[in-house]
């Protein structure tokens, strides 16, 4: 289970050209998988920035600063870069694209393409395709214990080859009277596993709640084919300081994810935006939650 405090923009507004946002949040991970103590706990501060260059170009960056690590791998005690990416959005009538290149979440780097196509007021199809490699950039070295006998070094700087294709197709159904959304998606994920997910969202003005179910391949080390759980994304008070071109703000949102029978690798995907979440669409579209206004 994980708790994430991150920022969210819930409208389809175009950011002002030249605007720079500096923000900070926190991430709490905990798991009940250790017989020695009740919970393994990992707490990170997650400062980041976004520079809205103009003409739908954006440069983003984020770092993790560990505060508490009780039970997680030693490499998680390092200050490390988690995002450095340049993104461009393209809008052609009803077809909306976002192309991103750089260093992504989940320790992947490369190029990612998103596509969203609202067909009607209640149906939208979307896709994501990526070609990525592995990376790790941290302020020091750490020892990582794998299994009972193997002790290996985790380098502060480590770049693997560009060697992995991922792709997901999906469809969203929006029920306007109830602000309810159904999402069906599936494809090939980072663990080279194929899977499908069905999710039901109930969106409120300041909160989104969902329940989801997954069915995926059983790769090596994976015990279950099925998984499921719930998510809660809650908007927090919008405290910030800003002038014409600069904004300094706290995190806007509280995010809770619970995954029963989670194995940590099945149906995982990287994030290209440091504030990516399930409430806000990765591409700016005036459909579904893109119509929700924040007050």
C-alpha atoms as a PDB file:
ATOM      1  CA  UNK A   1       0.000   0.000   0.000  1.00  0.00           C
ATOM      2  CA  UNK A   2       1.238   3.515  -0.699  1.00  0.00           C
ATOM      3  CA  UNK A   3       0.207   7.042   0.178  1.00  0.00           C
ATOM      4  CA  UNK A   4       1.298   9.833  -2.131  1.00  0.00           C
ATOM      5  CA  UNK A   5       0.864  13.572  -1.735  1.00  0.00           C
ATOM      6  CA  UNK A   6       1.169  15.179  -5.145  1.00  0.00           C
ATOM      7  CA  UNK A   7      -0.210  18.057  -7.168  1.00  0.00           C
ATOM      8  CA  UNK A   8      -3.155  17.950  -9.517  1.00  0.00           C
ATOM      9  CA  UNK A   9      -4.564  20.292 -12.126  1.00  0.00           C
ATOM     10  CA  UNK A  10      -8.149  19.266 -12.673  1.00  0.00           C
ATOM     11  CA  UNK A  11      -9.078  21.628 -15.496  1.00  0.00           C
ATOM     12  CA  UNK A  12      -8.167  21.715 -19.178  1.00  0.00           C
ATOM     13  CA  UNK A  13      -6.619  25.187 -18.961  1.00  0.00           C
ATOM     14  CA  UNK A  14      -3.465  26.088 -20.877  1.00  0.00           C
ATOM     15  CA  UNK A  15      -0.644  27.167 -18.503  1.00  0.00           C
ATOM     16  CA  UNK A  16       0.782  30.638 -19.074  1.00  0.00           C
ATOM     17  CA  UNK A  17       3.913  30.647 -21.239  1.00  0.00           C
ATOM     18  CA  UNK A  18       7.055  31.098 -19.175  1.00  0.00           C
ATOM     19  CA  UNK A  19       5.384  30.101 -15.904  1.00  0.00           C
ATOM     20  CA  UNK A  20       7.655  28.212 -13.474  1.00  0.00           C
ATOM     21  CA  UNK A  21       6.136  26.092 -10.695  1.00  0.00           C
ATOM     22  CA  UNK A  22       8.137  24.790  -7.739  1.00  0.00           C
ATOM     23  CA  UNK A  23       6.299  22.312  -5.544  1.00  0.00           C
ATOM     24  CA  UNK A  24       6.908  19.794  -2.775  1.00  0.00           C
ATOM     25  CA  UNK A  25       5.046  16.738  -1.565  1.00  0.00           C
ATOM     26  CA  UNK A  26       5.713  13.545   0.332  1.00  0.00           C
ATOM     27  CA  UNK A  27       5.419   9.829  -0.331  1.00  0.00           C
ATOM     28  CA  UNK A  28       4.705   7.128   2.237  1.00  0.00           C
ATOM     29  CA  UNK A  29       5.141   3.450   1.364  1.00  0.00           C
ATOM     30  CA  UNK A  30       4.410   0.696   3.831  1.00  0.00           C
ATOM     31  CA  UNK A  31       3.958  -3.066   3.627  1.00  0.00           C
ATOM     32  CA  UNK A  32       2.942  -5.805   6.063  1.00  0.00           C
ATOM     33  CA  UNK A  33       5.254  -8.529   4.734  1.00  0.00           C
ATOM     34  CA  UNK A  34       7.857  -8.834   7.488  1.00  0.00           C
ATOM     35  CA  UNK A  35       7.493 -11.176  10.472  1.00  0.00           C
ATOM     36  CA  UNK A  36       9.987  -9.130  12.537  1.00  0.00           C
ATOM     37  CA  UNK A  37       7.870  -5.938  12.670  1.00  0.00           C
ATOM     38  CA  UNK A  38       4.331  -4.930  11.851  1.00  0.00           C
ATOM     39  CA  UNK A  39       5.165  -2.655   8.911  1.00  0.00           C
ATOM     40  CA  UNK A  40       8.079  -1.820   6.633  1.00  0.00           C
ATOM     41  CA  UNK A  41       7.999   1.973   6.240  1.00  0.00           C
ATOM     42  CA  UNK A  42       9.550   4.291   3.652  1.00  0.00           C
ATOM     43  CA  UNK A  43       8.945   8.071   3.679  1.00  0.00           C
ATOM     44  CA  UNK A  44      10.313  10.387   0.977  1.00  0.00           C
ATOM     45  CA  UNK A  45      10.052  14.115   0.389  1.00  0.00           C
ATOM     46  CA  UNK A  46       9.377  14.770  -3.293  1.00  0.00           C
ATOM     47  CA  UNK A  47      10.357  18.312  -4.364  1.00  0.00           C
ATOM     48  CA  UNK A  48       9.949  19.118  -8.041  1.00  0.00           C
ATOM     49  CA  UNK A  49       9.475  21.806 -10.660  1.00  0.00           C
ATOM     50  CA  UNK A  50       7.685  22.481 -13.934  1.00  0.00           C
ATOM     51  CA  UNK A  51       8.649  25.080 -16.510  1.00  0.00           C
ATOM     52  CA  UNK A  52       5.856  25.837 -18.973  1.00  0.00           C
ATOM     53  CA  UNK A  53       8.038  27.019 -21.842  1.00  0.00           C
ATOM     54  CA  UNK A  54       5.182  27.959 -24.147  1.00  0.00           C
ATOM     55  CA  UNK A  55       3.432  26.501 -27.209  1.00  0.00           C
ATOM     56  CA  UNK A  56       2.552  23.424 -25.094  1.00  0.00           C
ATOM     57  CA  UNK A  57       6.201  22.595 -24.270  1.00  0.00           C
ATOM     58  CA  UNK A  58       7.041  21.725 -20.663  1.00  0.00           C
ATOM     59  CA  UNK A  59      10.234  20.797 -18.811  1.00  0.00           C
ATOM     60  CA  UNK A  60       9.813  18.898 -15.531  1.00  0.00           C
ATOM     61  CA  UNK A  61      12.106  17.577 -12.804  1.00  0.00           C
ATOM     62  CA  UNK A  62      11.742  15.846  -9.453  1.00  0.00           C
ATOM     63  CA  UNK A  63      13.941  14.293  -6.764  1.00  0.00           C
ATOM     64  CA  UNK A  64      13.355  11.936  -3.854  1.00  0.00           C
ATOM     65  CA  UNK A  65      14.819  12.862  -0.465  1.00  0.00           C
ATOM     66  CA  UNK A  66      14.534   9.940   2.012  1.00  0.00           C
ATOM     67  CA  UNK A  67      13.361  10.759   5.536  1.00  0.00           C
ATOM     68  CA  UNK A  68      12.569   7.318   7.013  1.00  0.00           C
ATOM     69  CA  UNK A  69      13.598   3.870   5.741  1.00  0.00           C
ATOM     70  CA  UNK A  70      12.666   1.006   8.050  1.00  0.00           C
ATOM     71  CA  UNK A  71      12.763  -2.308   6.226  1.00  0.00           C
ATOM     72  CA  UNK A  72      13.078  -1.230   2.598  1.00  0.00           C
ATOM     73  CA  UNK A  73      16.161  -1.834   0.413  1.00  0.00           C
ATOM     74  CA  UNK A  74      19.220   0.195   1.303  1.00  0.00           C
ATOM     75  CA  UNK A  75      19.277   1.841  -2.111  1.00  0.00           C
ATOM     76  CA  UNK A  76      16.066   3.675  -1.124  1.00  0.00           C
ATOM     77  CA  UNK A  77      18.070   5.633   1.486  1.00  0.00           C
ATOM     78  CA  UNK A  78      19.809   7.635  -1.232  1.00  0.00           C
ATOM     79  CA  UNK A  79      18.884  11.088  -2.497  1.00  0.00           C
ATOM     80  CA  UNK A  80      18.083  10.457  -6.143  1.00  0.00           C
ATOM     81  CA  UNK A  81      16.683  12.038  -9.284  1.00  0.00           C
ATOM     82  CA  UNK A  82      13.342  10.550 -10.306  1.00  0.00           C
ATOM     83  CA  UNK A  83      12.230  12.726 -13.237  1.00  0.00           C
ATOM     84  CA  UNK A  84      13.841  14.976 -15.828  1.00  0.00           C
ATOM     85  CA  UNK A  85      11.720  15.168 -18.960  1.00  0.00           C
ATOM     86  CA  UNK A  86      10.750  17.412 -21.845  1.00  0.00           C
ATOM     87  CA  UNK A  87       7.163  17.103 -23.093  1.00  0.00           C
ATOM     88  CA  UNK A  88       5.206  18.523 -26.014  1.00  0.00           C
ATOM     89  CA  UNK A  89       1.429  18.378 -26.474  1.00  0.00           C
ATOM     90  CA  UNK A  90      -0.173  18.383 -29.926  1.00  0.00           C
ATOM     91  CA  UNK A  91      -3.876  18.988 -30.550  1.00  0.00           C
ATOM     92  CA  UNK A  92      -5.589  18.252 -33.886  1.00  0.00           C
ATOM     93  CA  UNK A  93      -9.353  18.814 -33.572  1.00  0.00           C
ATOM     94  CA  UNK A  94     -10.465  15.726 -31.610  1.00  0.00           C
ATOM     95  CA  UNK A  95      -7.076  13.957 -31.556  1.00  0.00           C
ATOM     96  CA  UNK A  96      -4.752  14.908 -28.696  1.00  0.00           C
ATOM     97  CA  UNK A  97      -1.132  13.751 -28.349  1.00  0.00           C
ATOM     98  CA  UNK A  98       1.685  14.125 -25.856  1.00  0.00           C
ATOM     99  CA  UNK A  99       5.275  13.193 -26.674  1.00  0.00           C
ATOM    100  CA  UNK A 100       7.766  13.007 -23.800  1.00  0.00           C
ATOM    101  CA  UNK A 101      11.473  12.241 -23.749  1.00  0.00           C
ATOM    102  CA  UNK A 102      13.903  11.998 -20.853  1.00  0.00           C
ATOM    103  CA  UNK A 103      14.160  10.274 -17.478  1.00  0.00           C
ATOM    104  CA  UNK A 104      10.877   8.847 -16.193  1.00  0.00           C
ATOM    105  CA  UNK A 105       9.557   7.308 -13.004  1.00  0.00           C
ATOM    106  CA  UNK A 106      10.075   3.628 -12.159  1.00  0.00           C
ATOM    107  CA  UNK A 107      13.719   4.040 -13.271  1.00  0.00           C
ATOM    108  CA  UNK A 108      13.015   4.115 -17.027  1.00  0.00           C
ATOM    109  CA  UNK A 109      14.332   6.554 -19.626  1.00  0.00           C
ATOM    110  CA  UNK A 110      13.524   6.961 -23.287  1.00  0.00           C
ATOM    111  CA  UNK A 111      10.531   8.218 -25.241  1.00  0.00           C
ATOM    112  CA  UNK A 112       6.800   7.975 -24.552  1.00  0.00           C
ATOM    113  CA  UNK A 113       3.775   8.826 -26.713  1.00  0.00           C
ATOM    114  CA  UNK A 114       0.209   9.294 -25.422  1.00  0.00           C
ATOM    115  CA  UNK A 115      -2.923   9.620 -27.556  1.00  0.00           C
ATOM    116  CA  UNK A 116      -6.473  10.512 -26.481  1.00  0.00           C
ATOM    117  CA  UNK A 117      -9.480  10.651 -28.812  1.00  0.00           C
ATOM    118  CA  UNK A 118     -12.885  11.704 -27.428  1.00  0.00           C
ATOM    119  CA  UNK A 119     -15.351  10.085 -29.844  1.00  0.00           C
ATOM    120  CA  UNK A 120     -18.534  11.281 -28.148  1.00  0.00           C
ATOM    121  CA  UNK A 121     -19.408  13.112 -24.938  1.00  0.00           C
ATOM    122  CA  UNK A 122     -19.461   9.737 -23.134  1.00  0.00           C
ATOM    123  CA  UNK A 123     -16.786   7.646 -24.942  1.00  0.00           C
ATOM    124  CA  UNK A 124     -13.045   8.243 -25.308  1.00  0.00           C
ATOM    125  CA  UNK A 125     -10.318   5.897 -26.527  1.00  0.00           C
ATOM    126  CA  UNK A 126      -6.649   6.279 -25.630  1.00  0.00           C
ATOM    127  CA  UNK A 127      -3.264   4.658 -26.076  1.00  0.00           C
ATOM    128  CA  UNK A 128       0.272   4.787 -24.712  1.00  0.00           C
ATOM    129  CA  UNK A 129       3.475   3.506 -26.310  1.00  0.00           C
ATOM    130  CA  UNK A 130       7.009   3.665 -24.964  1.00  0.00           C
ATOM    131  CA  UNK A 131      10.537   2.582 -25.826  1.00  0.00           C
ATOM    132  CA  UNK A 132      12.696   2.759 -22.697  1.00  0.00           C
ATOM    133  CA  UNK A 133      15.785   1.528 -20.896  1.00  0.00           C
ATOM    134  CA  UNK A 134      16.766   1.370 -17.230  1.00  0.00           C
ATOM    135  CA  UNK A 135      18.517   4.138 -15.307  1.00  0.00           C
ATOM    136  CA  UNK A 136      19.547   5.113 -11.780  1.00  0.00           C
ATOM    137  CA  UNK A 137      21.066   8.436 -10.709  1.00  0.00           C
ATOM    138  CA  UNK A 138      21.680   8.972  -6.997  1.00  0.00           C
ATOM    139  CA  UNK A 139      23.978  10.844  -4.611  1.00  0.00           C
ATOM    140  CA  UNK A 140      26.046   7.857  -3.451  1.00  0.00           C
ATOM    141  CA  UNK A 141      26.230   4.067  -3.468  1.00  0.00           C
ATOM    142  CA  UNK A 142      24.175   1.537  -1.549  1.00  0.00           C
ATOM    143  CA  UNK A 143      24.316  -2.168  -0.820  1.00  0.00           C
ATOM    144  CA  UNK A 144      21.262  -4.156  -1.782  1.00  0.00           C
ATOM    145  CA  UNK A 145      20.547  -7.604  -0.369  1.00  0.00           C
ATOM    146  CA  UNK A 146      18.861  -9.936  -2.820  1.00  0.00           C
ATOM    147  CA  UNK A 147      17.807 -13.301  -1.456  1.00  0.00           C
ATOM    148  CA  UNK A 148      19.606 -14.823   1.532  1.00  0.00           C
ATOM    149  CA  UNK A 149      23.161 -14.998   0.256  1.00  0.00           C
ATOM    150  CA  UNK A 150      23.789 -12.539  -2.559  1.00  0.00           C
ATOM    151  CA  UNK A 151      25.149  -9.078  -1.734  1.00  0.00           C
ATOM    152  CA  UNK A 152      25.537  -6.685  -4.655  1.00  0.00           C
ATOM    153  CA  UNK A 153      26.419  -3.035  -5.146  1.00  0.00           C
ATOM    154  CA  UNK A 154      23.939  -0.494  -6.478  1.00  0.00           C
ATOM    155  CA  UNK A 155      25.833   2.162  -8.422  1.00  0.00           C
ATOM    156  CA  UNK A 156      25.043   5.831  -7.991  1.00  0.00           C
ATOM    157  CA  UNK A 157      24.953   6.221 -11.783  1.00  0.00           C
ATOM    158  CA  UNK A 158      23.698   3.329 -13.874  1.00  0.00           C
ATOM    159  CA  UNK A 159      22.228   3.402 -17.394  1.00  0.00           C
ATOM    160  CA  UNK A 160      21.055   0.296 -19.170  1.00  0.00           C
ATOM    161  CA  UNK A 161      20.277  -0.025 -22.850  1.00  0.00           C
ATOM    162  CA  UNK A 162      17.135   1.168 -24.603  1.00  0.00           C
ATOM    163  CA  UNK A 163      15.582  -2.252 -24.850  1.00  0.00           C
ATOM    164  CA  UNK A 164      11.931  -2.396 -23.866  1.00  0.00           C
ATOM    165  CA  UNK A 165       8.689  -1.736 -25.724  1.00  0.00           C
ATOM    166  CA  UNK A 166       5.529  -1.122 -23.714  1.00  0.00           C
ATOM    167  CA  UNK A 167       2.083  -0.333 -24.959  1.00  0.00           C
ATOM    168  CA  UNK A 168      -1.426   0.047 -23.515  1.00  0.00           C
ATOM    169  CA  UNK A 169      -4.803   0.535 -25.209  1.00  0.00           C
ATOM    170  CA  UNK A 170      -7.869   1.735 -23.335  1.00  0.00           C
ATOM    171  CA  UNK A 171     -11.409   3.059 -23.476  1.00  0.00           C
ATOM    172  CA  UNK A 172     -13.188   5.390 -21.034  1.00  0.00           C
ATOM    173  CA  UNK A 173     -16.947   5.764 -20.573  1.00  0.00           C
ATOM    174  CA  UNK A 174     -18.206   8.925 -18.831  1.00  0.00           C
ATOM    175  CA  UNK A 175     -21.648   9.146 -17.211  1.00  0.00           C
ATOM    176  CA  UNK A 176     -22.200  12.899 -16.908  1.00  0.00           C
ATOM    177  CA  UNK A 177     -25.210  12.954 -14.489  1.00  0.00           C
ATOM    178  CA  UNK A 178     -23.260  11.025 -11.851  1.00  0.00           C
ATOM    179  CA  UNK A 179     -19.644  12.100 -12.654  1.00  0.00           C
ATOM    180  CA  UNK A 180     -18.875   8.392 -12.884  1.00  0.00           C
ATOM    181  CA  UNK A 181     -16.246   6.898 -15.174  1.00  0.00           C
ATOM    182  CA  UNK A 182     -15.542   3.352 -16.349  1.00  0.00           C
ATOM    183  CA  UNK A 183     -12.083   2.520 -17.673  1.00  0.00           C
ATOM    184  CA  UNK A 184     -10.940  -0.625 -19.474  1.00  0.00           C
ATOM    185  CA  UNK A 185      -7.282  -0.942 -20.459  1.00  0.00           C
ATOM    186  CA  UNK A 186      -4.737  -3.587 -21.296  1.00  0.00           C
ATOM    187  CA  UNK A 187      -1.424  -4.231 -22.973  1.00  0.00           C
ATOM    188  CA  UNK A 188       2.246  -5.028 -22.391  1.00  0.00           C
ATOM    189  CA  UNK A 189       3.859  -3.644 -19.247  1.00  0.00           C
ATOM    190  CA  UNK A 190       7.365  -3.128 -17.857  1.00  0.00           C
ATOM    191  CA  UNK A 191       7.792  -6.677 -16.572  1.00  0.00           C
ATOM    192  CA  UNK A 192       7.162  -7.979 -20.118  1.00  0.00           C
ATOM    193  CA  UNK A 193       3.792  -9.146 -18.816  1.00  0.00           C
ATOM    194  CA  UNK A 194       0.459  -8.826 -20.566  1.00  0.00           C
ATOM    195  CA  UNK A 195      -2.555  -7.788 -18.546  1.00  0.00           C
ATOM    196  CA  UNK A 196      -5.958  -6.148 -18.494  1.00  0.00           C
ATOM    197  CA  UNK A 197      -7.562  -3.822 -15.916  1.00  0.00           C
ATOM    198  CA  UNK A 198     -11.136  -2.688 -15.300  1.00  0.00           C
ATOM    199  CA  UNK A 199     -11.692   0.341 -13.064  1.00  0.00           C
ATOM    200  CA  UNK A 200     -14.744   2.285 -11.870  1.00  0.00           C
ATOM    201  CA  UNK A 201     -14.300   5.904 -10.722  1.00  0.00           C
ATOM    202  CA  UNK A 202     -16.691   8.157  -8.840  1.00  0.00           C
ATOM    203  CA  UNK A 203     -15.452  11.724  -9.218  1.00  0.00           C
ATOM    204  CA  UNK A 204     -16.344  14.515  -6.811  1.00  0.00           C
ATOM    205  CA  UNK A 205     -15.230  18.138  -7.035  1.00  0.00           C
ATOM    206  CA  UNK A 206     -12.416  17.630  -4.523  1.00  0.00           C
ATOM    207  CA  UNK A 207     -11.972  13.866  -4.553  1.00  0.00           C
ATOM    208  CA  UNK A 208     -11.950  10.789  -6.806  1.00  0.00           C
ATOM    209  CA  UNK A 209     -12.547   7.243  -5.534  1.00  0.00           C
ATOM    210  CA  UNK A 210     -12.125   4.064  -7.561  1.00  0.00           C
ATOM    211  CA  UNK A 211     -12.256   0.288  -7.339  1.00  0.00           C
ATOM    212  CA  UNK A 212     -10.289  -1.835  -9.813  1.00  0.00           C
ATOM    213  CA  UNK A 213      -9.543  -5.431 -10.793  1.00  0.00           C
ATOM    214  CA  UNK A 214      -6.580  -6.819 -12.750  1.00  0.00           C
ATOM    215  CA  UNK A 215      -5.813 -10.038 -14.609  1.00  0.00           C
ATOM    216  CA  UNK A 216      -2.229 -10.583 -15.758  1.00  0.00           C
ATOM    217  CA  UNK A 217       0.404 -13.144 -16.664  1.00  0.00           C
ATOM    218  CA  UNK A 218       2.194 -15.101 -13.990  1.00  0.00           C
ATOM    219  CA  UNK A 219       5.833 -14.354 -14.732  1.00  0.00           C
ATOM    220  CA  UNK A 220       8.723 -15.718 -12.664  1.00  0.00           C
ATOM    221  CA  UNK A 221       8.315 -14.812  -8.998  1.00  0.00           C
ATOM    222  CA  UNK A 222       4.641 -13.872  -9.407  1.00  0.00           C
ATOM    223  CA  UNK A 223       2.234 -15.950  -7.330  1.00  0.00           C
ATOM    224  CA  UNK A 224      -1.181 -14.698  -8.452  1.00  0.00           C
ATOM    225  CA  UNK A 225      -2.788 -13.883 -11.788  1.00  0.00           C
ATOM    226  CA  UNK A 226      -5.470 -11.725 -10.184  1.00  0.00           C
ATOM    227  CA  UNK A 227      -5.174  -8.489  -8.217  1.00  0.00           C
ATOM    228  CA  UNK A 228      -7.431  -5.648  -7.202  1.00  0.00           C
ATOM    229  CA  UNK A 229      -8.029  -2.848  -4.764  1.00  0.00           C
ATOM    230  CA  UNK A 230      -9.075   0.772  -4.489  1.00  0.00           C
ATOM    231  CA  UNK A 231      -7.682   4.291  -4.919  1.00  0.00           C
ATOM    232  CA  UNK A 232      -8.515   7.632  -3.314  1.00  0.00           C
ATOM    233  CA  UNK A 233      -7.259  10.945  -4.730  1.00  0.00           C
ATOM    234  CA  UNK A 234      -8.189  13.944  -2.589  1.00  0.00           C
ATOM    235  CA  UNK A 235      -7.489  17.604  -3.334  1.00  0.00           C
ATOM    236  CA  UNK A 236      -5.894  19.536  -0.469  1.00  0.00           C
ATOM    237  CA  UNK A 237      -6.113  23.312   0.168  1.00  0.00           C
ATOM    238  CA  UNK A 238      -4.360  25.266  -2.574  1.00  0.00           C
ATOM    239  CA  UNK A 239      -1.771  27.128  -0.516  1.00  0.00           C
ATOM    240  CA  UNK A 240       0.830  28.873  -2.676  1.00  0.00           C
ATOM    241  CA  UNK A 241       2.891  31.984  -3.243  1.00  0.00           C
ATOM    242  CA  UNK A 242       3.173  33.371  -6.746  1.00  0.00           C
ATOM    243  CA  UNK A 243       3.886  36.361  -8.892  1.00  0.00           C
ATOM    244  CA  UNK A 244       3.448  36.766 -12.645  1.00  0.00           C
ATOM    245  CA  UNK A 245       5.908  34.052 -13.732  1.00  0.00           C
ATOM    246  CA  UNK A 246       6.749  32.067 -10.604  1.00  0.00           C
ATOM    247  CA  UNK A 247       4.688  29.894  -8.288  1.00  0.00           C
ATOM    248  CA  UNK A 248       5.859  28.150  -5.114  1.00  0.00           C
ATOM    249  CA  UNK A 249       3.280  25.789  -3.692  1.00  0.00           C
ATOM    250  CA  UNK A 250       2.693  22.869  -1.419  1.00  0.00           C
ATOM    251  CA  UNK A 251       1.352  19.629  -2.751  1.00  0.00           C
ATOM    252  CA  UNK A 252      -2.315  19.851  -3.624  1.00  0.00           C
ATOM    253  CA  UNK A 253      -3.440  16.240  -3.311  1.00  0.00           C
ATOM    254  CA  UNK A 254      -3.471  13.215  -1.080  1.00  0.00           C
ATOM    255  CA  UNK A 255      -3.427   9.858  -2.876  1.00  0.00           C
ATOM    256  CA  UNK A 256      -4.033   6.419  -1.365  1.00  0.00           C
ATOM    257  CA  UNK A 257      -3.628   3.153  -3.286  1.00  0.00           C
ATOM    258  CA  UNK A 258      -4.389  -0.311  -1.954  1.00  0.00           C
ATOM    259  CA  UNK A 259      -3.529  -3.392  -4.021  1.00  0.00           C
ATOM    260  CA  UNK A 260      -4.453  -6.833  -2.693  1.00  0.00           C
ATOM    261  CA  UNK A 261      -2.112  -9.613  -3.824  1.00  0.00           C
ATOM    262  CA  UNK A 262       0.343  -7.020  -5.168  1.00  0.00           C
ATOM    263  CA  UNK A 263       3.755  -8.391  -6.115  1.00  0.00           C
ATOM    264  CA  UNK A 264       5.477  -5.110  -6.954  1.00  0.00           C
ATOM    265  CA  UNK A 265       6.160  -5.924 -10.621  1.00  0.00           C
ATOM    266  CA  UNK A 266       2.940  -6.983 -12.378  1.00  0.00           C
ATOM    267  CA  UNK A 267       1.218  -4.437 -14.644  1.00  0.00           C
ATOM    268  CA  UNK A 268       3.584  -1.624 -13.638  1.00  0.00           C
ATOM    269  CA  UNK A 269       4.204   1.405 -15.846  1.00  0.00           C
ATOM    270  CA  UNK A 270       6.517   4.384 -15.575  1.00  0.00           C
ATOM    271  CA  UNK A 271       5.262   7.951 -15.137  1.00  0.00           C
ATOM    272  CA  UNK A 272       6.466  10.756 -17.404  1.00  0.00           C
ATOM    273  CA  UNK A 273       5.106  13.628 -15.301  1.00  0.00           C
ATOM    274  CA  UNK A 274       6.226  13.981 -11.660  1.00  0.00           C
ATOM    275  CA  UNK A 275       2.592  14.676 -10.684  1.00  0.00           C
ATOM    276  CA  UNK A 276       0.953  12.018 -12.826  1.00  0.00           C
ATOM    277  CA  UNK A 277      -2.140  10.449 -11.300  1.00  0.00           C
ATOM    278  CA  UNK A 278      -5.338   8.672 -12.298  1.00  0.00           C
ATOM    279  CA  UNK A 279      -7.688  11.649 -11.837  1.00  0.00           C
ATOM    280  CA  UNK A 280      -5.967  13.945 -14.323  1.00  0.00           C
ATOM    281  CA  UNK A 281      -5.595  12.739 -17.913  1.00  0.00           C
ATOM    282  CA  UNK A 282      -1.996  12.718 -19.187  1.00  0.00           C
ATOM    283  CA  UNK A 283      -3.033  14.868 -22.171  1.00  0.00           C
ATOM    284  CA  UNK A 284      -5.108  18.047 -21.877  1.00  0.00           C
ATOM    285  CA  UNK A 285      -8.619  17.262 -23.142  1.00  0.00           C
ATOM    286  CA  UNK A 286     -11.987  18.907 -22.484  1.00  0.00           C
ATOM    287  CA  UNK A 287     -13.698  15.628 -21.626  1.00  0.00           C
ATOM    288  CA  UNK A 288     -14.564  13.828 -18.412  1.00  0.00           C
ATOM    289  CA  UNK A 289     -12.485  15.105 -15.525  1.00  0.00           C
ATOM    290  CA  UNK A 290     -11.157  17.823 -17.836  1.00  0.00           C
ATOM    291  CA  UNK A 291     -14.489  19.551 -17.240  1.00  0.00           C
ATOM    292  CA  UNK A 292     -14.279  19.416 -13.460  1.00  0.00           C
ATOM    293  CA  UNK A 293     -13.527  22.814 -11.975  1.00  0.00           C
ATOM    294  CA  UNK A 294     -11.430  23.349  -8.888  1.00  0.00           C
ATOM    295  CA  UNK A 295     -12.733  25.958  -6.446  1.00  0.00           C
END
